Amino acid sequence: MFLGMCAWLSYDYKIISNRETGKGRADIILESLADKPSYVMEFKYTKDKEKLDTLAKEAIQQIKAQQYDISLKGQVICRDSSLW
């Protein structure tokens, strides 16, 4: 669903979904086509609200450990999207 919401960004970003990059597969990468920051997003899900912060930290660690941003230039913003 989020990928579809990103479609309107296609003029400013190359939208990459679940493609191998670095040492794994990032959920969504928005690679800047202009002078804007790029974004790396990793999605996690839990029904336990107490685990939300832990999952958010794990998502950021996963992005860094798997080097999902290795091919991106300029400013890169890493986000987790943990849901409960």
Protein backbone atom coordinates (compact mmCIF):
# COMPACT_ATOMS: atom_id res chain seq x y z
CA MET A 1 0.00 0.00 0.00
CA PHE A 2 2.77 2.44 0.92
CA LEU A 3 4.50 1.72 -2.36
CA GLY A 4 1.40 2.90 -4.23
CA MET A 5 1.36 6.06 -2.14
CA CYS A 6 4.93 6.76 -3.27
CA ALA A 7 3.95 6.70 -6.96
CA TRP A 8 3.30 10.46 -7.05
CA LEU A 9 6.96 10.99 -6.11
CA SER A 10 8.22 9.47 -9.37
CA TYR A 11 9.20 12.86 -10.84
CA ASP A 12 11.67 13.52 -8.03
CA TYR A 13 12.62 10.00 -6.93
CA LYS A 14 13.48 6.62 -8.37
CA ILE A 15 11.24 4.26 -6.39
CA ILE A 16 12.95 0.97 -5.54
CA SER A 17 10.95 -1.77 -3.83
CA ASN A 18 12.39 -4.97 -2.39
CA ARG A 19 15.36 -4.90 -4.75
CA GLU A 20 18.68 -6.32 -3.64
CA THR A 21 21.05 -3.60 -2.52
CA GLY A 22 24.04 -3.76 -0.21
CA LYS A 23 23.85 -7.10 1.61
CA GLY A 24 20.11 -7.65 1.39
CA ARG A 25 16.75 -6.28 0.27
CA ALA A 26 15.41 -2.98 1.56
CA ASP A 27 11.61 -2.62 1.70
CA ILE A 28 11.49 0.75 -0.06
CA ILE A 29 14.21 3.11 -1.26
CA LEU A 30 13.41 6.54 -2.64
CA GLU A 31 16.54 7.51 -4.58
CA SER A 32 16.69 11.24 -5.25
CA LEU A 33 16.79 12.31 -8.89
CA ALA A 34 17.44 15.93 -7.93
CA ASP A 35 19.14 17.80 -5.12
CA LYS A 36 17.00 16.25 -2.37
CA PRO A 37 17.70 13.64 0.29
CA SER A 38 17.19 9.95 -0.51
CA TYR A 39 15.19 7.72 1.86
CA VAL A 40 15.59 4.11 2.97
CA MET A 41 12.55 2.54 4.68
CA GLU A 42 12.25 -0.75 6.50
CA PHE A 43 8.82 -1.93 7.65
CA LYS A 44 8.15 -3.97 10.78
CA TYR A 45 4.87 -5.17 12.28
CA THR A 46 3.79 -6.11 15.79
CA LYS A 47 0.57 -6.39 17.72
CA ASP A 48 2.46 -5.66 20.93
CA LYS A 49 2.69 -1.89 21.45
CA GLU A 50 5.47 -2.42 24.02
CA LYS A 51 7.79 -3.87 21.35
CA LEU A 52 7.36 -0.94 18.97
CA ASP A 53 10.47 1.00 20.05
CA THR A 54 12.58 -2.16 19.96
CA LEU A 55 11.43 -2.99 16.44
CA ALA A 56 12.11 0.58 15.31
CA LYS A 57 15.70 0.35 16.58
CA GLU A 58 16.12 -3.06 14.94
CA ALA A 59 14.92 -1.66 11.61
CA ILE A 60 17.51 1.14 11.70
CA GLN A 61 20.24 -1.35 12.70
CA GLN A 62 19.19 -3.62 9.83
CA ILE A 63 19.42 -0.77 7.32
CA LYS A 64 22.92 0.08 8.52
CA ALA A 65 24.18 -3.51 8.89
CA GLN A 66 22.88 -4.57 5.48
CA GLN A 67 24.18 -1.34 3.88
CA TYR A 68 20.93 -0.66 2.01
CA ASP A 69 22.17 2.88 1.35
CA ILE A 70 25.49 1.88 -0.21
CA SER A 71 24.63 3.03 -3.75
CA LEU A 72 22.92 6.28 -2.75
CA LYS A 73 24.66 9.65 -3.09
CA GLY A 74 24.14 12.78 -1.04
CA GLN A 75 22.06 12.94 2.11
CA VAL A 76 20.32 9.68 3.06
CA ILE A 77 17.55 9.50 5.64
CA CYS A 78 16.81 6.10 7.18
CA ARG A 79 13.34 5.54 8.57
CA ASP A 80 11.58 2.66 10.20
CA SER A 81 7.86 2.27 9.90
CA SER A 82 6.90 0.05 12.79
CA LEU A 83 3.21 -0.64 13.09
CA TRP A 84 1.14 -2.10 15.91
